[in-house]
Protein backbone atom coordinates (compact mmCIF):
# COMPACT_ATOMS: atom_id res chain seq x y z
CA MET A 1 -0.09 0.22 -0.04
CA SER A 2 1.12 3.79 -0.76
CA ASN A 3 2.10 6.12 1.96
CA LYS A 4 0.11 9.19 0.70
CA PRO A 5 -1.11 11.23 3.53
CA LEU A 6 -4.70 11.24 4.55
CA PRO A 7 -7.24 12.23 4.02
CA LEU A 8 -6.38 12.74 0.02
CA PRO A 9 -7.59 15.64 -1.68
CA ILE A 10 -10.34 14.18 -4.09
CA ARG A 11 -12.81 15.59 -6.72
CA ALA A 12 -14.94 12.81 -7.84
CA VAL A 13 -15.35 9.08 -6.72
CA VAL A 14 -15.46 6.10 -9.22
CA ILE A 15 -17.05 3.24 -7.82
CA ASP A 16 -16.92 -0.66 -9.40
CA LEU A 17 -19.95 -2.73 -9.52
CA ASP A 18 -19.49 -6.40 -9.14
CA GLY A 19 -17.81 -7.05 -5.87
CA THR A 20 -17.68 -3.78 -4.73
CA LEU A 21 -21.06 -2.32 -4.35
CA LEU A 22 -22.93 -5.48 -5.40
CA ASP A 23 -22.76 -9.44 -4.32
CA THR A 24 -23.31 -10.37 -7.97
CA ALA A 25 -21.86 -14.25 -7.59
CA PRO A 26 -24.65 -16.01 -6.77
CA ASP A 27 -26.59 -14.92 -9.85
CA ILE A 28 -23.81 -15.51 -12.10
CA ALA A 29 -22.88 -18.86 -10.86
CA GLU A 30 -26.69 -20.01 -11.54
CA ALA A 31 -26.48 -18.76 -15.11
CA ALA A 32 -23.04 -20.55 -15.52
CA GLN A 33 -24.56 -23.61 -14.19
CA ARG A 34 -27.58 -23.58 -16.38
CA MET A 35 -25.51 -23.00 -18.96
CA LEU A 36 -23.02 -25.77 -18.54
CA ARG A 37 -26.25 -27.79 -17.87
CA ASP A 38 -27.56 -27.08 -21.20
CA LEU A 39 -24.11 -28.17 -22.37
CA GLY A 40 -23.99 -31.20 -20.67
CA MET A 41 -20.98 -30.10 -18.78
CA ALA A 42 -20.15 -30.98 -15.04
CA PRO A 43 -21.03 -28.11 -13.03
CA VAL A 44 -19.08 -25.60 -11.22
CA ASP A 45 -18.91 -24.52 -7.39
CA LEU A 46 -19.61 -20.98 -6.55
CA ALA A 47 -16.30 -20.48 -5.14
CA LYS A 48 -14.58 -21.28 -8.18
CA ILE A 49 -16.97 -19.13 -10.22
CA GLN A 50 -16.30 -16.24 -7.78
CA SER A 51 -13.01 -16.51 -8.55
CA PHE A 52 -13.51 -15.90 -12.26
CA ILE A 53 -15.36 -12.59 -12.29
CA GLY A 54 -14.12 -9.38 -12.72
CA ASN A 55 -12.91 -9.15 -16.60
CA GLY A 56 -16.33 -9.26 -18.41
CA ILE A 57 -18.56 -12.01 -19.74
CA ALA A 58 -16.72 -13.48 -22.33
CA ASN A 59 -13.72 -14.67 -20.38
CA LEU A 60 -16.14 -15.32 -17.24
CA VAL A 61 -17.49 -17.83 -20.06
CA LYS A 62 -14.17 -19.00 -20.94
CA ARG A 63 -13.20 -19.96 -17.53
CA ALA A 64 -16.32 -21.58 -16.87
CA LEU A 65 -15.97 -24.08 -19.54
CA THR A 66 -12.44 -24.85 -18.90
CA GLY A 67 -11.90 -24.39 -15.19
CA GLU A 68 -8.95 -22.58 -15.71
CA MET A 69 -8.23 -18.68 -15.41
CA HIS A 70 -6.43 -18.32 -18.85
CA ALA A 71 -7.12 -21.73 -20.92
CA GLN A 72 -8.82 -20.91 -24.29
CA PRO A 73 -11.87 -23.13 -24.87
CA ASP A 74 -12.76 -24.94 -28.42
CA GLU A 75 -14.36 -21.92 -30.58
CA ALA A 76 -17.17 -23.72 -31.40
CA LEU A 77 -18.42 -24.54 -28.04
CA PHE A 78 -17.74 -21.22 -26.62
CA ALA A 79 -19.78 -20.19 -29.50
CA ARG A 80 -22.77 -22.17 -28.22
CA ALA A 81 -22.04 -21.21 -24.73
CA LEU A 82 -21.56 -17.50 -24.60
CA PRO A 83 -25.34 -16.83 -25.87
CA LEU A 84 -26.59 -19.28 -23.05
CA PHE A 85 -24.82 -17.67 -20.66
CA GLN A 86 -26.32 -14.23 -21.49
CA LYS A 87 -29.76 -15.81 -21.84
CA HIS A 88 -29.87 -17.44 -18.31
CA TYR A 89 -27.96 -14.48 -16.70
CA ALA A 90 -30.98 -11.91 -17.98
CA GLU A 91 -33.49 -14.76 -16.26
CA VAL A 92 -31.53 -14.72 -12.77
CA LEU A 93 -29.89 -11.08 -12.87
CA THR A 94 -31.54 -9.91 -9.55
CA ARG A 95 -32.50 -13.00 -7.90
CA GLU A 96 -30.05 -13.31 -4.93
CA THR A 97 -28.16 -10.04 -6.30
CA ARG A 98 -27.79 -8.07 -3.57
CA PRO A 99 -26.01 -4.53 -2.11
CA TYR A 100 -23.06 -5.42 0.26
CA PRO A 101 -23.86 -4.26 4.04
CA GLY A 102 -23.13 -0.50 4.02
CA ALA A 103 -22.92 -0.37 0.63
CA LEU A 104 -26.10 1.87 -0.22
CA GLU A 105 -25.29 4.14 2.95
CA GLY A 106 -21.70 4.52 1.66
CA VAL A 107 -22.71 5.62 -1.38
CA GLN A 108 -25.59 8.00 0.05
CA ALA A 109 -22.91 9.62 2.38
CA LEU A 110 -20.61 10.05 -0.28
CA ARG A 111 -23.27 11.90 -2.36
CA GLU A 112 -24.36 14.07 0.34
CA ALA A 113 -20.56 15.34 1.22
CA GLY A 114 -21.03 16.60 -2.45
CA PHE A 115 -18.54 14.22 -4.30
CA PRO A 116 -19.39 13.52 -8.28
CA LEU A 117 -20.16 10.02 -8.31
CA ALA A 118 -19.61 7.28 -11.48
CA CYS A 119 -19.97 3.85 -11.63
CA VAL A 120 -17.16 1.87 -14.05
CA THR A 121 -17.75 -1.77 -14.48
CA ASN A 122 -16.68 -4.71 -16.66
CA LYS A 123 -20.08 -5.91 -17.08
CA ALA A 124 -21.74 -5.62 -20.24
CA GLU A 125 -24.69 -2.65 -20.29
CA VAL A 126 -27.34 -4.87 -20.89
CA PHE A 127 -27.10 -6.41 -17.39
CA THR A 128 -25.46 -3.41 -15.80
CA LEU A 129 -27.91 -0.83 -16.03
CA PRO A 130 -31.26 -2.89 -15.03
CA LEU A 131 -29.04 -4.15 -11.91
CA LEU A 132 -28.55 -0.33 -10.97
CA GLU A 133 -32.17 0.19 -11.68
CA ALA A 134 -33.48 -2.57 -9.70
CA MET A 135 -31.24 -1.85 -6.46
CA LYS A 136 -32.24 1.64 -6.54
CA LEU A 137 -28.53 3.25 -7.83
CA LYS A 138 -28.75 4.37 -10.98
CA ASP A 139 -29.84 7.85 -10.27
CA VAL A 140 -26.85 7.99 -7.64
CA PHE A 141 -24.46 8.22 -10.58
CA GLN A 142 -23.77 11.08 -13.03
CA LEU A 143 -21.55 8.51 -14.89
CA ILE A 144 -22.23 5.08 -15.92
CA LEU A 145 -19.62 3.32 -17.82
CA SER A 146 -19.60 -0.73 -18.85
CA GLY A 147 -17.71 -2.81 -20.03
CA ASP A 148 -18.94 -2.28 -23.70
CA SER A 149 -19.43 1.34 -23.44
CA LEU A 150 -15.88 2.27 -24.32
CA PRO A 151 -13.28 0.77 -26.78
CA LYS A 152 -11.23 -0.74 -23.87
CA LYS A 153 -12.17 -1.45 -20.21
CA LYS A 154 -10.65 -2.35 -17.26
CA PRO A 155 -7.38 -2.95 -16.44
CA ASP A 156 -7.00 -0.33 -18.99
CA PRO A 157 -6.93 2.96 -17.73
CA LEU A 158 -9.29 4.20 -20.52
CA PRO A 159 -12.30 4.15 -18.45
CA LEU A 160 -11.03 6.58 -15.66
CA LEU A 161 -9.66 8.83 -18.05
CA HIS A 162 -13.11 8.95 -19.38
CA ALA A 163 -14.43 9.41 -16.09
CA ALA A 164 -11.53 12.12 -15.15
CA GLU A 165 -12.37 14.05 -18.44
CA PHE A 166 -16.52 13.69 -17.78
CA PHE A 167 -15.94 15.33 -14.08
CA GLY A 168 -13.17 18.18 -15.54
CA CYS A 169 -10.36 17.03 -13.09
CA ALA A 170 -7.13 15.66 -13.63
CA PRO A 171 -6.78 11.68 -12.73
CA ALA A 172 -4.94 12.48 -9.59
CA ASP A 173 -8.05 14.00 -8.61
CA LEU A 174 -9.90 10.93 -8.79
CA LEU A 175 -10.55 8.17 -6.39
CA LEU A 176 -11.45 4.44 -7.59
CA ILE A 177 -12.62 2.10 -4.96
CA GLY A 178 -12.84 -1.62 -6.11
CA ASP A 179 -11.83 -5.03 -4.96
CA SER A 180 -9.71 -6.51 -7.18
CA LEU A 181 -6.07 -6.34 -9.20
CA ASN A 182 -8.01 -5.13 -11.85
CA ASP A 183 -9.12 -2.11 -10.20
CA THR A 184 -5.59 -1.46 -8.67
CA GLN A 185 -4.19 -2.09 -12.59
CA ALA A 186 -6.22 0.27 -14.14
CA GLY A 187 -6.10 3.07 -11.05
CA ASN A 188 -2.46 3.16 -11.32
CA ALA A 189 -2.23 3.05 -15.12
CA ALA A 190 -4.40 6.25 -14.94
CA GLY A 191 -2.61 7.91 -12.22
CA CYS A 192 -5.92 7.67 -9.67
CA HIS A 193 -6.01 6.96 -6.27
CA VAL A 194 -7.29 3.19 -5.17
CA PHE A 195 -9.07 2.48 -2.36
CA LEU A 196 -10.05 -1.36 -2.13
CA VAL A 197 -12.49 -3.84 -0.26
CA PRO A 198 -11.69 -6.95 1.12
CA TYR A 199 -15.06 -8.98 0.60
CA GLY A 200 -15.15 -8.89 -3.11
CA TYR A 201 -13.78 -11.28 -5.81
CA ASN A 202 -10.12 -11.05 -6.49
CA GLY A 203 -9.39 -14.48 -7.55
CA GLY A 204 -8.85 -15.73 -3.75
CA SER A 205 -5.72 -13.41 -3.38
CA ASP A 206 -5.34 -10.72 -0.51
CA VAL A 207 -6.26 -7.00 -1.47
CA ARG A 208 -3.65 -5.83 0.92
CA GLU A 209 -1.16 -6.94 -1.22
CA GLN A 210 -1.77 -4.42 -3.92
CA ASN A 211 -0.20 -1.07 -4.73
CA CYS A 212 -3.33 0.82 -3.28
CA ASP A 213 -3.68 3.77 -1.20
CA ALA A 214 -6.05 1.87 1.66
CA VAL A 215 -8.15 -0.96 2.18
CA ILE A 216 -11.36 -0.13 3.86
CA ALA A 217 -13.81 -2.33 5.22
CA GLY A 218 -16.92 -1.04 3.56
CA LEU A 219 -18.01 1.68 1.72
CA PRO A 220 -19.01 4.17 4.53
CA GLU A 221 -15.34 4.36 5.50
CA ALA A 222 -14.10 6.05 2.35
CA LEU A 223 -15.16 9.42 3.68
CA ASN A 224 -13.15 9.07 6.42
CA LEU A 225 -9.94 9.44 4.10
CA ILE A 226 -11.27 12.04 1.75
CA LYS A 227 -11.91 15.45 1.70
CA LYS A 228 -13.04 17.91 -1.27
CA ALA A 229 -10.14 18.88 -3.26
């Protein structure tokens, strides 16, 4: 972790979705199990699926098919599997997904403190917007960037640079709150501050090992470590 003096001067806050704001793993896992069942393949347990989340749906489907983080499935199998996953995920999108404890309160506190807010996720827009709507979070954010909103997604810095430009601030005045190495790499590459929560989807690794500015127990804690720039 970095040794920057706290509280950090911040002009806008970007928040990740899966694993930071919302616990989406149960519904993602259910969609994956239905996909595998349709394909006549063995199921994968929740913990395994949870470790596969974070790099977009295409990568998650490849990982569910192979059981590996970086293996490539048969192209024809992947072509059959992806639309099956998308169909099933649309069916169960909000069945068990819930905000993490304190997430809604934390977002509201940041908003009331005068920080402009953005949600930046690698989840496709077709799932992102209905999820935020269902969780009563859509109107909280001035900017929502999904995995297919821009030509590149996290860990590329482009979404964060876009957010900084949208809010009219330097990347150094932006705070990203996330849960994974994906977020840390994107934030570091963009020159943003990064806070991480320890409860999300980081492939089983401890977020305290990453080059971030702080690890916070939950979103409400962020407000104690920042001030208006």
